[in-house]
């Protein structure tokens, strides 16, 4: 479900980082980013890798972005 919510927030090709951060915070509780990203990387959702890559590229918080990129790499390697 979180992947679907985040996919909606990542719908724009070049999103406003502040809007993305607000949508992200509404979907993901503070401090639970890593756990969610790991679950997304292991899951079977068809958009998980794209969502994680998008967050890794556009999220304004460098730590969140890095964690998302790492999870995107794990999701890609599962294919």
Protein backbone atom coordinates (compact mmCIF):
# COMPACT_ATOMS: atom_id res chain seq x y z
CA UNK A 1 0.00 0.00 0.00
CA UNK A 2 2.83 2.41 0.81
CA UNK A 3 4.33 1.75 -2.62
CA UNK A 4 1.05 2.77 -4.24
CA UNK A 5 0.86 5.96 -2.17
CA UNK A 6 4.45 6.85 -2.95
CA UNK A 7 3.93 6.03 -6.64
CA UNK A 8 1.28 8.74 -6.75
CA UNK A 9 3.69 11.22 -5.17
CA UNK A 10 6.38 10.24 -7.68
CA UNK A 11 4.10 10.65 -10.68
CA UNK A 12 5.78 13.84 -11.93
CA UNK A 13 8.91 13.47 -14.02
CA UNK A 14 10.56 16.43 -12.27
CA UNK A 15 8.76 16.89 -8.94
CA UNK A 16 9.12 19.72 -6.51
CA UNK A 17 11.38 18.22 -3.81
CA UNK A 18 9.43 19.97 -1.05
CA UNK A 19 6.10 18.56 -2.28
CA UNK A 20 7.69 15.12 -2.55
CA UNK A 21 9.00 15.39 1.02
CA UNK A 22 5.54 16.32 2.32
CA UNK A 23 3.85 13.43 0.49
CA UNK A 24 6.58 11.08 1.66
CA UNK A 25 6.19 12.13 5.30
CA UNK A 26 2.43 11.58 5.06
CA UNK A 27 2.99 8.01 3.88
CA UNK A 28 6.06 7.03 5.93
CA UNK A 29 6.42 7.58 9.69
CA UNK A 30 9.60 9.32 10.78
CA UNK A 31 12.37 6.85 11.52
CA UNK A 32 10.79 3.96 9.60
CA UNK A 33 12.20 4.79 6.18
CA UNK A 34 14.81 2.02 6.11
CA UNK A 35 12.38 -0.69 7.12
CA UNK A 36 9.84 0.40 4.53
CA UNK A 37 12.44 0.65 1.76
CA UNK A 38 13.78 -2.82 2.60
CA UNK A 39 10.26 -4.25 2.47
CA UNK A 40 9.64 -2.51 -0.85
CA UNK A 41 12.90 -3.88 -2.28
CA UNK A 42 11.95 -7.44 -1.25
CA UNK A 43 8.32 -7.17 -2.32
CA UNK A 44 6.73 -8.00 -5.64
CA UNK A 45 5.14 -4.63 -6.41
CA UNK A 46 5.84 -3.81 -10.07
CA UNK A 47 6.55 -0.13 -9.36
CA UNK A 48 8.75 -0.55 -6.27
CA UNK A 49 12.08 -0.14 -8.05
CA UNK A 50 10.87 2.94 -9.96
CA UNK A 51 9.46 4.54 -6.81
CA UNK A 52 12.66 3.89 -4.85
CA UNK A 53 14.80 5.26 -7.69
CA UNK A 54 12.61 8.35 -7.93
CA UNK A 55 12.84 8.98 -4.19
CA UNK A 56 16.58 8.42 -4.35
CA UNK A 57 16.91 11.04 -7.04
CA UNK A 58 14.49 13.73 -5.86
CA UNK A 59 13.97 13.49 -2.09
CA UNK A 60 15.54 16.56 -0.45
CA UNK A 61 16.77 14.67 2.64
CA UNK A 62 20.15 13.22 1.65
CA UNK A 63 19.91 10.30 4.09
CA UNK A 64 16.44 9.30 2.90
CA UNK A 65 17.57 9.62 -0.72
CA UNK A 66 20.63 7.46 -0.13
CA UNK A 67 18.61 4.79 1.66
CA UNK A 68 16.10 4.78 -1.21
CA UNK A 69 18.88 4.41 -3.80
CA UNK A 70 20.36 1.48 -1.89
CA UNK A 71 16.96 -0.23 -1.73
CA UNK A 72 16.37 0.50 -5.45
CA UNK A 73 19.64 -1.24 -6.24
CA UNK A 74 18.56 -4.28 -4.17
CA UNK A 75 15.19 -4.34 -5.93
CA UNK A 76 16.88 -4.20 -9.33
CA UNK A 77 19.24 -7.02 -8.45
CA UNK A 78 16.30 -9.27 -7.51
CA UNK A 79 15.04 -9.27 -11.11
